[in-house]
Amino acid sequence: MKVRKILLFTMIIVLLLLTTLSCATNPYTIPLVEELGGKNGQHFTDPANDTFGMEEFQYDILSVDMFIDETESYFIMHIIFNNPVYIPNNGFDMEGLVGYLEIDADQDPATGIEPSVNSFAPMGEPLSNMGVDYTIQFFEYDATFHTLPVYDEVLWTLTGYANIIYDETSCTLQIPLSAFPDSNGYDNDGNIDFGFVLGTYPEPTDVAHEGFSYSAGLI
């Protein structure tokens, strides 16, 4: 599974340079939350200046603020960087933000697949013990609907879309809980573990996962 993710990171770059993603329809489009926030907010941090890429420009994750919205239907995730954020443009902007958000929806290392953070993390960094059930693909940004796809990592099927808003040094995700179906053993209690592998089209530049365990406590 690690090899698949590494190959995907390379293959998607090539495909995005050669093709334009289909934006004709998106049945999962959801209304945006107008203001950042919600309930059961939690703050997570990642060390500054811990990037490991070779290029001059490197995305450096600083923190993540996470909430559950008032309707208990969406996760709201605000990711802050130590640098400007550029919208991915099908590979034509080499500094566009790309990569993965990996989610262990049942918080069980025995289910799902091994996380990509363990494949890309520099030697000596703590490894993740997540069993990744779902992945949100930053590579596949839909510029028409402003969404990112959510994939089931075991079945490799599309389960939904997350809204995304890009800002000067941050981005905000609105992730529907419905993208994590009960049929996969996830009980929608709003408790998840998560981690990031983010970077530019040429390379990943930062991973963040240590202590990233959100508890909404819906059940």
N, C-alpha and C. Protein backbone atom coordinates (compact mmCIF):
# COMPACT_ATOMS: atom_id res chain seq x y z
N MET A 1 0.82 -1.20 0.00
CA MET A 1 0.00 0.00 0.00
C MET A 1 0.86 1.26 0.00
N LYS A 2 2.01 1.22 0.70
CA LYS A 2 2.91 2.37 0.70
C LYS A 2 3.37 2.68 -0.72
N VAL A 3 3.71 1.62 -1.46
CA VAL A 3 4.20 1.81 -2.83
C VAL A 3 3.11 2.45 -3.68
N ARG A 4 1.85 2.01 -3.48
CA ARG A 4 0.76 2.57 -4.26
C ARG A 4 0.65 4.07 -4.07
N LYS A 5 0.75 4.53 -2.82
CA LYS A 5 0.63 5.96 -2.54
C LYS A 5 1.78 6.73 -3.15
N ILE A 6 3.00 6.21 -3.06
CA ILE A 6 4.16 6.89 -3.64
C ILE A 6 4.01 6.99 -5.15
N LEU A 7 3.58 5.90 -5.78
CA LEU A 7 3.38 5.91 -7.21
C LEU A 7 2.27 6.88 -7.60
N LEU A 8 1.21 6.92 -6.78
CA LEU A 8 0.11 7.82 -7.07
C LEU A 8 0.56 9.27 -7.04
N PHE A 9 1.44 9.62 -6.08
CA PHE A 9 1.91 10.99 -5.97
C PHE A 9 2.58 11.41 -7.27
N THR A 10 3.35 10.49 -7.88
CA THR A 10 4.02 10.78 -9.14
C THR A 10 3.07 10.74 -10.33
N MET A 11 2.21 9.72 -10.38
CA MET A 11 1.32 9.55 -11.51
C MET A 11 0.32 10.69 -11.63
N ILE A 12 -0.20 11.15 -10.48
CA ILE A 12 -1.20 12.22 -10.51
C ILE A 12 -0.60 13.50 -11.05
N ILE A 13 0.66 13.76 -10.70
CA ILE A 13 1.34 14.95 -11.22
C ILE A 13 1.36 14.92 -12.74
N VAL A 14 1.73 13.76 -13.30
CA VAL A 14 1.80 13.63 -14.76
C VAL A 14 0.43 13.77 -15.38
N LEU A 15 -0.57 13.12 -14.79
CA LEU A 15 -1.91 13.18 -15.36
C LEU A 15 -2.48 14.59 -15.34
N LEU A 16 -2.21 15.32 -14.27
CA LEU A 16 -2.74 16.67 -14.17
C LEU A 16 -2.07 17.61 -15.15
N LEU A 17 -0.85 17.33 -15.51
CA LEU A 17 -0.18 18.14 -16.50
C LEU A 17 -0.72 17.89 -17.90
N LEU A 18 -1.28 16.71 -18.13
CA LEU A 18 -1.72 16.34 -19.46
C LEU A 18 -3.22 16.48 -19.68
N THR A 19 -3.98 16.52 -18.58
CA THR A 19 -5.44 16.52 -18.72
C THR A 19 -6.06 17.61 -17.87
N THR A 20 -7.29 17.96 -18.21
CA THR A 20 -8.10 18.86 -17.40
C THR A 20 -9.17 18.03 -16.72
N LEU A 21 -9.29 18.18 -15.41
CA LEU A 21 -10.23 17.37 -14.66
C LEU A 21 -11.67 17.71 -15.05
N SER A 22 -12.50 16.70 -15.11
CA SER A 22 -13.90 16.91 -15.46
C SER A 22 -14.63 17.63 -14.34
N CYS A 23 -15.32 18.74 -14.68
CA CYS A 23 -16.02 19.55 -13.69
C CYS A 23 -17.48 19.71 -14.06
N ALA A 24 -18.01 18.86 -14.92
CA ALA A 24 -19.36 19.05 -15.44
C ALA A 24 -20.41 18.94 -14.36
N THR A 25 -20.31 17.91 -13.53
CA THR A 25 -21.30 17.71 -12.47
C THR A 25 -20.59 17.29 -11.20
N ASN A 26 -21.23 17.59 -10.09
CA ASN A 26 -20.70 17.19 -8.79
C ASN A 26 -21.88 17.00 -7.85
N PRO A 27 -22.39 15.78 -7.75
CA PRO A 27 -23.63 15.55 -6.98
C PRO A 27 -23.45 15.75 -5.49
N TYR A 28 -22.21 15.89 -5.01
CA TYR A 28 -21.98 16.00 -3.58
C TYR A 28 -21.81 17.45 -3.12
N THR A 29 -21.99 18.40 -4.03
CA THR A 29 -21.79 19.80 -3.65
C THR A 29 -22.66 20.14 -2.44
N ILE A 30 -22.07 20.78 -1.45
CA ILE A 30 -22.77 21.09 -0.20
C ILE A 30 -22.64 22.57 0.09
N PRO A 31 -23.58 23.14 0.85
CA PRO A 31 -23.49 24.57 1.16
C PRO A 31 -22.30 24.86 2.06
N LEU A 32 -21.61 25.95 1.78
CA LEU A 32 -20.45 26.31 2.58
C LEU A 32 -20.87 26.90 3.92
N VAL A 33 -20.14 26.58 4.95
CA VAL A 33 -20.31 27.25 6.23
C VAL A 33 -19.72 28.64 6.09
N GLU A 34 -20.49 29.67 6.38
CA GLU A 34 -20.08 31.03 6.10
C GLU A 34 -18.93 31.49 6.99
N GLU A 35 -18.91 31.06 8.24
CA GLU A 35 -17.87 31.50 9.16
C GLU A 35 -17.16 30.29 9.75
N LEU A 36 -15.86 30.45 9.95
CA LEU A 36 -15.09 29.38 10.58
C LEU A 36 -15.56 29.19 12.01
N GLY A 37 -15.78 27.98 12.39
CA GLY A 37 -16.16 27.71 13.77
C GLY A 37 -17.24 26.68 13.86
N GLY A 38 -17.67 26.41 15.07
CA GLY A 38 -18.67 25.40 15.33
C GLY A 38 -18.58 25.08 16.80
N LYS A 39 -18.72 23.81 17.13
CA LYS A 39 -18.62 23.42 18.53
C LYS A 39 -17.56 22.33 18.69
N ASN A 40 -17.21 22.08 19.93
CA ASN A 40 -16.18 21.09 20.25
C ASN A 40 -14.88 21.38 19.51
N GLY A 41 -14.47 22.64 19.50
CA GLY A 41 -13.25 23.03 18.82
C GLY A 41 -12.00 22.49 19.50
N GLN A 42 -11.03 22.06 18.69
CA GLN A 42 -9.74 21.59 19.20
C GLN A 42 -8.62 22.15 18.33
N HIS A 43 -7.49 22.40 18.95
CA HIS A 43 -6.34 23.02 18.28
C HIS A 43 -5.18 22.04 18.27
N PHE A 44 -4.59 21.84 17.09
CA PHE A 44 -3.45 20.94 16.92
C PHE A 44 -2.29 21.72 16.31
N THR A 45 -1.07 21.39 16.73
CA THR A 45 0.09 22.11 16.21
C THR A 45 1.10 21.14 15.59
N ASP A 46 1.89 21.69 14.67
CA ASP A 46 2.99 20.96 14.04
C ASP A 46 4.21 21.88 14.11
N PRO A 47 5.40 21.35 14.37
CA PRO A 47 6.58 22.21 14.49
C PRO A 47 6.83 23.05 13.25
N ALA A 48 7.23 24.29 13.45
CA ALA A 48 7.60 25.15 12.34
C ALA A 48 8.96 24.77 11.79
N ASN A 49 9.17 25.06 10.52
CA ASN A 49 10.47 24.86 9.86
C ASN A 49 10.93 23.40 9.91
N ASP A 50 9.98 22.48 9.75
CA ASP A 50 10.32 21.05 9.74
C ASP A 50 10.12 20.44 8.36
N THR A 51 10.21 21.26 7.32
CA THR A 51 10.02 20.75 5.96
C THR A 51 11.23 19.92 5.52
N PHE A 52 11.03 19.11 4.48
CA PHE A 52 12.10 18.19 4.06
C PHE A 52 12.26 18.13 2.55
N GLY A 53 11.65 19.07 1.83
CA GLY A 53 11.77 19.06 0.37
C GLY A 53 13.09 19.63 -0.10
N MET A 54 13.28 19.61 -1.41
CA MET A 54 14.51 20.09 -2.03
C MET A 54 14.33 21.44 -2.72
N GLU A 55 13.08 21.78 -3.08
CA GLU A 55 12.81 23.02 -3.79
C GLU A 55 12.86 24.21 -2.83
N GLU A 56 12.99 25.42 -3.41
CA GLU A 56 13.06 26.62 -2.58
C GLU A 56 11.75 26.87 -1.84
N PHE A 57 10.61 26.70 -2.54
CA PHE A 57 9.31 26.91 -1.90
C PHE A 57 8.81 25.60 -1.32
N GLN A 58 8.48 25.61 -0.01
CA GLN A 58 8.02 24.40 0.65
C GLN A 58 6.88 24.72 1.62
N TYR A 59 5.80 23.97 1.50
CA TYR A 59 4.69 24.15 2.44
C TYR A 59 5.08 23.63 3.82
N ASP A 60 4.83 24.47 4.83
CA ASP A 60 5.18 24.16 6.21
C ASP A 60 3.92 24.31 7.06
N ILE A 61 3.35 23.19 7.49
CA ILE A 61 2.13 23.20 8.30
C ILE A 61 2.45 23.68 9.71
N LEU A 62 1.66 24.65 10.20
CA LEU A 62 1.86 25.16 11.55
C LEU A 62 0.80 24.65 12.53
N SER A 63 -0.46 24.67 12.10
CA SER A 63 -1.51 24.27 13.04
C SER A 63 -2.79 23.90 12.30
N VAL A 64 -3.66 23.23 13.03
CA VAL A 64 -4.98 22.85 12.53
C VAL A 64 -6.00 23.14 13.62
N ASP A 65 -7.04 23.89 13.28
CA ASP A 65 -8.19 24.08 14.17
C ASP A 65 -9.35 23.28 13.60
N MET A 66 -9.99 22.49 14.44
CA MET A 66 -11.04 21.60 13.96
C MET A 66 -12.28 21.71 14.82
N PHE A 67 -13.44 21.67 14.16
CA PHE A 67 -14.73 21.79 14.81
C PHE A 67 -15.70 20.80 14.19
N ILE A 68 -16.84 20.62 14.85
CA ILE A 68 -18.00 19.99 14.24
C ILE A 68 -19.04 21.09 14.10
N ASP A 69 -19.73 21.16 12.95
CA ASP A 69 -20.67 22.27 12.76
C ASP A 69 -21.90 22.08 13.65
N GLU A 70 -22.72 23.13 13.76
CA GLU A 70 -23.85 23.11 14.68
C GLU A 70 -24.88 22.05 14.32
N THR A 71 -24.95 21.67 13.05
CA THR A 71 -25.91 20.64 12.64
C THR A 71 -25.35 19.23 12.82
N GLU A 72 -24.07 19.15 13.24
CA GLU A 72 -23.38 17.86 13.42
C GLU A 72 -23.35 17.05 12.13
N SER A 73 -23.20 17.79 11.01
CA SER A 73 -23.17 17.14 9.70
C SER A 73 -21.80 17.23 9.04
N TYR A 74 -20.96 18.20 9.47
CA TYR A 74 -19.68 18.45 8.81
C TYR A 74 -18.56 18.68 9.81
N PHE A 75 -17.39 18.17 9.47
CA PHE A 75 -16.17 18.60 10.14
C PHE A 75 -15.71 19.90 9.48
N ILE A 76 -15.28 20.86 10.27
CA ILE A 76 -14.66 22.08 9.76
C ILE A 76 -13.20 22.05 10.18
N MET A 77 -12.29 22.13 9.20
CA MET A 77 -10.86 22.01 9.48
C MET A 77 -10.13 23.20 8.87
N HIS A 78 -9.48 24.00 9.71
CA HIS A 78 -8.76 25.19 9.27
C HIS A 78 -7.27 24.92 9.42
N ILE A 79 -6.54 24.89 8.30
CA ILE A 79 -5.12 24.53 8.28
C ILE A 79 -4.30 25.78 8.02
N ILE A 80 -3.37 26.08 8.91
CA ILE A 80 -2.55 27.29 8.81
C ILE A 80 -1.12 26.91 8.46
N PHE A 81 -0.53 27.65 7.52
CA PHE A 81 0.81 27.37 7.03
C PHE A 81 1.77 28.51 7.38
N ASN A 82 3.04 28.21 7.28
CA ASN A 82 4.11 29.17 7.56
C ASN A 82 4.55 29.88 6.28
N ASN A 83 3.66 29.91 5.29
CA ASN A 83 4.00 30.46 3.98
C ASN A 83 2.72 30.73 3.21
N PRO A 84 2.79 31.42 2.08
CA PRO A 84 1.60 31.64 1.25
C PRO A 84 1.04 30.32 0.73
N VAL A 85 -0.27 30.33 0.47
CA VAL A 85 -0.94 29.16 -0.09
C VAL A 85 -1.41 29.47 -1.50
N TYR A 86 -1.07 28.59 -2.44
CA TYR A 86 -1.45 28.77 -3.84
C TYR A 86 -2.43 27.68 -4.25
N ILE A 87 -3.45 28.08 -4.99
CA ILE A 87 -4.47 27.14 -5.45
C ILE A 87 -3.88 26.25 -6.54
N PRO A 88 -4.06 24.94 -6.45
CA PRO A 88 -3.56 24.06 -7.51
C PRO A 88 -4.26 24.35 -8.83
N ASN A 89 -3.51 24.29 -9.91
CA ASN A 89 -4.03 24.68 -11.22
C ASN A 89 -3.69 23.63 -12.26
N ASN A 90 -4.10 22.39 -11.98
CA ASN A 90 -3.87 21.27 -12.91
C ASN A 90 -2.41 21.12 -13.30
N GLY A 91 -1.51 21.44 -12.36
CA GLY A 91 -0.11 21.22 -12.61
C GLY A 91 0.62 22.38 -13.25
N PHE A 92 -0.11 23.45 -13.62
CA PHE A 92 0.54 24.56 -14.30
C PHE A 92 1.16 25.56 -13.32
N ASP A 93 0.76 25.51 -12.06
CA ASP A 93 1.39 26.31 -11.02
C ASP A 93 2.16 25.35 -10.12
N MET A 94 3.45 25.33 -10.23
CA MET A 94 4.26 24.36 -9.52
C MET A 94 4.18 24.53 -8.00
N GLU A 95 3.69 25.68 -7.53
CA GLU A 95 3.59 25.93 -6.09
C GLU A 95 2.18 25.69 -5.57
N GLY A 96 1.30 25.12 -6.39
CA GLY A 96 -0.04 24.78 -5.93
C GLY A 96 0.01 23.76 -4.80
N LEU A 97 -0.90 23.89 -3.84
CA LEU A 97 -0.94 23.00 -2.68
C LEU A 97 -1.57 21.67 -3.07
N VAL A 98 -0.81 20.57 -2.93
CA VAL A 98 -1.30 19.24 -3.26
C VAL A 98 -0.88 18.26 -2.17
N GLY A 99 -1.45 17.06 -2.24
CA GLY A 99 -1.10 16.03 -1.27
C GLY A 99 -2.33 15.31 -0.77
N TYR A 100 -2.25 14.78 0.47
CA TYR A 100 -3.30 13.94 1.03
C TYR A 100 -3.65 14.39 2.44
N LEU A 101 -4.94 14.25 2.77
CA LEU A 101 -5.40 14.24 4.16
C LEU A 101 -5.92 12.84 4.41
N GLU A 102 -5.29 12.12 5.33
CA GLU A 102 -5.66 10.73 5.60
C GLU A 102 -6.43 10.65 6.91
N ILE A 103 -7.47 9.84 6.92
CA ILE A 103 -8.39 9.78 8.05
C ILE A 103 -8.58 8.34 8.51
N ASP A 104 -8.37 8.13 9.80
CA ASP A 104 -8.68 6.85 10.45
C ASP A 104 -10.02 7.05 11.14
N ALA A 105 -11.10 6.70 10.43
CA ALA A 105 -12.45 7.04 10.88
C ALA A 105 -12.91 6.23 12.09
N ASP A 106 -12.41 5.01 12.25
CA ASP A 106 -12.83 4.20 13.39
C ASP A 106 -11.76 4.15 14.48
N GLN A 107 -10.67 4.90 14.27
CA GLN A 107 -9.56 4.96 15.24
C GLN A 107 -9.05 3.57 15.60
N ASP A 108 -8.96 2.73 14.59
CA ASP A 108 -8.51 1.35 14.77
C ASP A 108 -7.35 1.08 13.82
N PRO A 109 -6.13 0.94 14.34
CA PRO A 109 -4.96 0.68 13.49
C PRO A 109 -5.05 -0.62 12.71
N ALA A 110 -5.92 -1.53 13.16
CA ALA A 110 -6.01 -2.85 12.52
C ALA A 110 -6.84 -2.81 11.25
N THR A 111 -7.58 -1.72 11.02
CA THR A 111 -8.38 -1.61 9.80
C THR A 111 -7.76 -0.54 8.90
N GLY A 112 -8.14 -0.53 7.65
CA GLY A 112 -7.59 0.44 6.72
C GLY A 112 -6.19 0.04 6.24
N ILE A 113 -5.44 1.03 5.74
CA ILE A 113 -4.11 0.78 5.21
C ILE A 113 -3.07 1.60 5.96
N GLU A 114 -1.81 1.29 5.73
CA GLU A 114 -0.74 2.04 6.38
C GLU A 114 -0.70 3.47 5.84
N PRO A 115 -0.53 4.46 6.71
CA PRO A 115 -0.58 5.86 6.26
C PRO A 115 0.62 6.27 5.43
N SER A 116 0.37 7.20 4.51
CA SER A 116 1.44 7.73 3.67
C SER A 116 2.45 8.54 4.46
N VAL A 117 2.01 9.10 5.60
CA VAL A 117 2.95 9.89 6.39
C VAL A 117 4.17 9.06 6.78
N ASN A 118 3.98 7.75 6.93
CA ASN A 118 5.11 6.89 7.27
C ASN A 118 6.05 6.67 6.09
N SER A 119 5.52 6.83 4.88
CA SER A 119 6.35 6.66 3.69
C SER A 119 7.17 7.90 3.39
N PHE A 120 6.59 9.08 3.68
CA PHE A 120 7.24 10.33 3.31
C PHE A 120 7.96 11.02 4.46
N ALA A 121 7.67 10.65 5.69
CA ALA A 121 8.29 11.33 6.84
C ALA A 121 9.80 11.13 6.84
N PRO A 122 10.56 12.18 7.17
CA PRO A 122 12.01 12.04 7.24
C PRO A 122 12.43 11.03 8.31
N MET A 123 13.58 10.45 8.12
CA MET A 123 14.10 9.48 9.07
C MET A 123 14.21 10.11 10.45
N GLY A 124 13.75 9.40 11.45
CA GLY A 124 13.83 9.90 12.82
C GLY A 124 12.55 10.51 13.34
N GLU A 125 11.63 10.86 12.43
CA GLU A 125 10.36 11.41 12.88
C GLU A 125 9.46 10.29 13.38
N PRO A 126 8.59 10.57 14.38
CA PRO A 126 7.67 9.55 14.87
C PRO A 126 6.76 9.05 13.76
N LEU A 127 6.47 7.76 13.77
CA LEU A 127 5.58 7.18 12.77
C LEU A 127 4.15 7.17 13.29
N SER A 128 3.21 7.13 12.36
CA SER A 128 1.80 7.08 12.71
C SER A 128 1.35 5.63 12.84
N ASN A 129 0.44 5.39 13.79
CA ASN A 129 -0.12 4.04 13.91
C ASN A 129 -1.57 4.00 13.42
N MET A 130 -1.94 4.98 12.59
CA MET A 130 -3.29 4.98 12.03
C MET A 130 -3.50 3.80 11.08
N GLY A 131 -4.73 3.37 10.99
CA GLY A 131 -5.18 2.52 9.90
C GLY A 131 -6.06 3.39 9.03
N VAL A 132 -5.53 3.84 7.90
CA VAL A 132 -6.22 4.85 7.09
C VAL A 132 -7.42 4.24 6.38
N ASP A 133 -8.61 4.80 6.67
CA ASP A 133 -9.84 4.34 6.05
C ASP A 133 -10.24 5.20 4.85
N TYR A 134 -9.95 6.50 4.93
CA TYR A 134 -10.35 7.43 3.88
C TYR A 134 -9.24 8.42 3.60
N THR A 135 -9.17 8.88 2.34
CA THR A 135 -8.19 9.89 1.94
C THR A 135 -8.90 11.00 1.18
N ILE A 136 -8.57 12.24 1.53
CA ILE A 136 -9.02 13.41 0.78
C ILE A 136 -7.87 13.85 -0.10
N GLN A 137 -8.11 13.93 -1.40
CA GLN A 137 -7.06 14.18 -2.39
C GLN A 137 -6.99 15.66 -2.75
N PHE A 138 -5.93 16.34 -2.33
CA PHE A 138 -5.72 17.74 -2.70
C PHE A 138 -5.33 17.87 -4.17
N PHE A 139 -4.81 16.81 -4.75
CA PHE A 139 -4.44 16.83 -6.17
C PHE A 139 -5.65 17.10 -7.07
N GLU A 140 -6.81 16.63 -6.66
CA GLU A 140 -7.98 16.62 -7.53
C GLU A 140 -8.94 17.77 -7.21
N TYR A 141 -8.39 18.95 -6.99
CA TYR A 141 -9.22 20.13 -6.72
C TYR A 141 -10.10 20.44 -7.91
N ASP A 142 -11.40 20.61 -7.65
CA ASP A 142 -12.37 20.96 -8.67
C ASP A 142 -12.60 22.47 -8.60
N ALA A 143 -12.06 23.20 -9.57
CA ALA A 143 -12.11 24.66 -9.55
C ALA A 143 -13.51 25.21 -9.79
N THR A 144 -14.39 24.40 -10.37
CA THR A 144 -15.76 24.85 -10.59
C THR A 144 -16.58 24.80 -9.31
N PHE A 145 -16.47 23.69 -8.59
CA PHE A 145 -17.27 23.49 -7.38
C PHE A 145 -16.48 23.73 -6.09
N HIS A 146 -15.17 23.94 -6.21
CA HIS A 146 -14.30 24.19 -5.06
C HIS A 146 -14.37 23.02 -4.06
N THR A 147 -14.14 21.84 -4.60
CA THR A 147 -14.22 20.63 -3.78
C THR A 147 -13.00 19.74 -3.99
N LEU A 148 -12.81 18.84 -3.03
CA LEU A 148 -11.81 17.78 -3.10
C LEU A 148 -12.52 16.46 -2.90
N PRO A 149 -12.15 15.40 -3.64
CA PRO A 149 -12.82 14.12 -3.48
C PRO A 149 -12.36 13.36 -2.24
N VAL A 150 -13.27 12.56 -1.70
CA VAL A 150 -12.98 11.67 -0.57
C VAL A 150 -13.06 10.24 -1.07
N TYR A 151 -12.01 9.46 -0.81
CA TYR A 151 -11.95 8.08 -1.29
C TYR A 151 -11.88 7.09 -0.13
N ASP A 152 -12.60 5.99 -0.28
CA ASP A 152 -12.45 4.84 0.61
C ASP A 152 -11.13 4.15 0.25
N GLU A 153 -10.22 4.05 1.20
CA GLU A 153 -8.89 3.51 0.92
C GLU A 153 -8.87 2.00 0.75
N VAL A 154 -9.84 1.32 1.33
CA VAL A 154 -9.88 -0.14 1.22
C VAL A 154 -10.50 -0.54 -0.11
N LEU A 155 -11.63 0.08 -0.44
CA LEU A 155 -12.33 -0.26 -1.68
C LEU A 155 -11.89 0.60 -2.85
N TRP A 156 -11.17 1.71 -2.55
CA TRP A 156 -10.75 2.71 -3.53
C TRP A 156 -11.94 3.17 -4.37
N THR A 157 -12.99 3.59 -3.66
CA THR A 157 -14.19 4.12 -4.29
C THR A 157 -14.43 5.54 -3.77
N LEU A 158 -15.09 6.35 -4.59
CA LEU A 158 -15.44 7.71 -4.20
C LEU A 158 -16.61 7.67 -3.23
N THR A 159 -16.48 8.36 -2.09
CA THR A 159 -17.56 8.36 -1.10
C THR A 159 -18.16 9.74 -0.87
N GLY A 160 -17.55 10.79 -1.41
CA GLY A 160 -18.11 12.12 -1.23
C GLY A 160 -17.11 13.19 -1.63
N TYR A 161 -17.46 14.44 -1.32
CA TYR A 161 -16.59 15.57 -1.61
C TYR A 161 -16.52 16.49 -0.40
N ALA A 162 -15.37 17.11 -0.21
CA ALA A 162 -15.19 18.14 0.81
C ALA A 162 -15.06 19.49 0.14
N ASN A 163 -15.75 20.49 0.67
CA ASN A 163 -15.55 21.86 0.20
C ASN A 163 -14.21 22.39 0.70
N ILE A 164 -13.59 23.28 -0.07
CA ILE A 164 -12.34 23.89 0.36
C ILE A 164 -12.31 25.36 -0.03
N ILE A 165 -11.82 26.18 0.88
CA ILE A 165 -11.61 27.61 0.63
C ILE A 165 -10.14 27.90 0.89
N TYR A 166 -9.48 28.53 -0.09
CA TYR A 166 -8.07 28.90 0.06
C TYR A 166 -7.97 30.35 0.50
N ASP A 167 -7.04 30.63 1.42
CA ASP A 167 -6.78 31.99 1.87
C ASP A 167 -5.29 32.27 1.72
N GLU A 168 -4.83 33.43 2.18
CA GLU A 168 -3.44 33.83 1.94
C GLU A 168 -2.44 32.84 2.51
N THR A 169 -2.63 32.42 3.75
CA THR A 169 -1.69 31.48 4.38
C THR A 169 -2.43 30.31 5.02
N SER A 170 -3.61 29.99 4.52
CA SER A 170 -4.39 28.92 5.13
C SER A 170 -5.39 28.36 4.12
N CYS A 171 -6.03 27.28 4.50
CA CYS A 171 -7.16 26.77 3.75
C CYS A 171 -8.14 26.15 4.75
N THR A 172 -9.41 26.14 4.39
CA THR A 172 -10.45 25.62 5.26
C THR A 172 -11.23 24.54 4.53
N LEU A 173 -11.36 23.39 5.17
CA LEU A 173 -12.11 22.27 4.62
C LEU A 173 -13.43 22.12 5.36
N GLN A 174 -14.47 21.78 4.61
CA GLN A 174 -15.76 21.40 5.17
C GLN A 174 -16.04 19.98 4.70
N ILE A 175 -15.95 19.02 5.62
CA ILE A 175 -15.97 17.61 5.27
C ILE A 175 -17.27 16.97 5.78
N PRO A 176 -18.13 16.48 4.90
CA PRO A 176 -19.38 15.87 5.36
C PRO A 176 -19.13 14.53 6.05
N LEU A 177 -19.76 14.34 7.21
CA LEU A 177 -19.64 13.05 7.88
C LEU A 177 -20.22 11.94 7.02
N SER A 178 -21.11 12.28 6.11
CA SER A 178 -21.71 11.28 5.23
C SER A 178 -20.70 10.65 4.29
N ALA A 179 -19.52 11.27 4.15
CA ALA A 179 -18.48 10.70 3.30
C ALA A 179 -17.81 9.49 3.95
N PHE A 180 -18.13 9.25 5.23
CA PHE A 180 -17.58 8.10 5.95
C PHE A 180 -18.73 7.15 6.28
N PRO A 181 -19.12 6.28 5.35
CA PRO A 181 -20.32 5.47 5.52
C PRO A 181 -20.25 4.52 6.72
N ASP A 182 -21.42 4.32 7.35
CA ASP A 182 -21.52 3.38 8.47
C ASP A 182 -21.17 1.96 8.06
N SER A 183 -21.39 1.65 6.78
CA SER A 183 -21.16 0.28 6.31
C SER A 183 -19.70 -0.14 6.44
N ASN A 184 -18.80 0.83 6.59
CA ASN A 184 -17.38 0.50 6.74
C ASN A 184 -16.97 0.35 8.20
N GLY A 185 -17.94 0.33 9.09
CA GLY A 185 -17.63 0.15 10.50
C GLY A 185 -17.47 1.44 11.26
N TYR A 186 -17.62 2.58 10.59
CA TYR A 186 -17.51 3.87 11.25
C TYR A 186 -18.86 4.23 11.82
N ASP A 187 -18.92 4.56 13.12
CA ASP A 187 -20.21 4.75 13.78
C ASP A 187 -20.66 6.20 13.85
N ASN A 188 -19.95 7.11 13.10
CA ASN A 188 -20.34 8.51 13.05
C ASN A 188 -20.41 9.17 14.44
N ASP A 189 -19.50 8.78 15.34
CA ASP A 189 -19.45 9.43 16.64
C ASP A 189 -18.64 10.73 16.59
N GLY A 190 -18.09 11.04 15.40
CA GLY A 190 -17.33 12.27 15.24
C GLY A 190 -15.92 12.21 15.79
N ASN A 191 -15.44 11.03 16.12
CA ASN A 191 -14.08 10.86 16.64
C ASN A 191 -13.20 10.25 15.55
N ILE A 192 -12.13 10.96 15.18
CA ILE A 192 -11.25 10.49 14.11
C ILE A 192 -9.80 10.80 14.45
N ASP A 193 -8.90 10.03 13.88
CA ASP A 193 -7.48 10.36 13.84
C ASP A 193 -7.17 10.78 12.40
N PHE A 194 -6.23 11.71 12.24
CA PHE A 194 -5.95 12.19 10.88
C PHE A 194 -4.50 12.63 10.76
N GLY A 195 -4.05 12.72 9.52
CA GLY A 195 -2.68 13.14 9.25
C GLY A 195 -2.57 13.68 7.84
N PHE A 196 -1.53 14.49 7.60
CA PHE A 196 -1.33 15.14 6.31
C PHE A 196 0.00 14.75 5.68
N VAL A 197 0.01 14.61 4.37
CA VAL A 197 1.21 14.68 3.55
C VAL A 197 0.92 15.77 2.52
N LEU A 198 1.56 16.93 2.63
CA LEU A 198 1.28 18.05 1.74
C LEU A 198 2.56 18.58 1.14
N GLY A 199 2.42 19.22 -0.01
CA GLY A 199 3.58 19.79 -0.67
C GLY A 199 3.19 20.44 -1.98
N THR A 200 4.12 20.47 -2.91
CA THR A 200 3.92 21.06 -4.22
C THR A 200 3.87 19.95 -5.26
N TYR A 201 3.62 20.32 -6.52
CA TYR A 201 3.61 19.30 -7.58
C TYR A 201 4.95 18.56 -7.68
N PRO A 202 6.10 19.24 -7.55
CA PRO A 202 7.36 18.50 -7.67
C PRO A 202 7.63 17.53 -6.53
N GLU A 203 7.11 17.81 -5.29
CA GLU A 203 7.53 16.99 -4.15
C GLU A 203 6.66 17.25 -2.92
N PRO A 204 6.55 16.24 -2.04
CA PRO A 204 5.98 16.49 -0.72
C PRO A 204 6.98 17.28 0.12
N THR A 205 6.49 18.14 1.02
CA THR A 205 7.40 18.98 1.79
C THR A 205 7.17 18.92 3.30
N ASP A 206 6.01 18.43 3.74
CA ASP A 206 5.77 18.38 5.19
C ASP A 206 4.74 17.29 5.48
N VAL A 207 4.90 16.65 6.63
CA VAL A 207 3.89 15.72 7.15
C VAL A 207 3.49 16.21 8.53
N ALA A 208 2.26 15.93 8.91
CA ALA A 208 1.77 16.31 10.24
C ALA A 208 0.73 15.30 10.68
N HIS A 209 0.93 14.73 11.86
CA HIS A 209 -0.01 13.72 12.34
C HIS A 209 0.06 13.50 13.84
N GLU A 210 1.18 13.81 14.45
CA GLU A 210 1.41 13.44 15.84
C GLU A 210 0.42 14.15 16.77
N GLY A 211 -0.40 13.35 17.45
CA GLY A 211 -1.40 13.91 18.36
C GLY A 211 -2.65 14.41 17.69
N PHE A 212 -2.80 14.17 16.38
CA PHE A 212 -3.94 14.66 15.64
C PHE A 212 -5.11 13.69 15.80
N SER A 213 -5.81 13.80 16.91
CA SER A 213 -6.94 12.93 17.22
C SER A 213 -8.09 13.81 17.67
N TYR A 214 -9.13 13.90 16.84
CA TYR A 214 -10.26 14.80 17.12
C TYR A 214 -11.43 14.03 17.71
N SER A 215 -12.05 14.60 18.74
CA SER A 215 -13.17 13.98 19.40
C SER A 215 -14.35 14.94 19.44
N ALA A 216 -15.37 14.64 18.62
CA ALA A 216 -16.59 15.45 18.63
C ALA A 216 -17.60 14.92 19.64
N GLY A 217 -17.48 13.60 19.95
CA GLY A 217 -18.34 13.01 20.97
C GLY A 217 -19.82 13.07 20.68
N LEU A 218 -20.20 12.68 19.45
CA LEU A 218 -21.60 12.77 19.08
C LEU A 218 -22.43 11.62 19.64
N ILE A 219 -21.76 10.53 20.02
CA ILE A 219 -22.50 9.37 20.56
C ILE A 219 -21.99 9.08 21.97
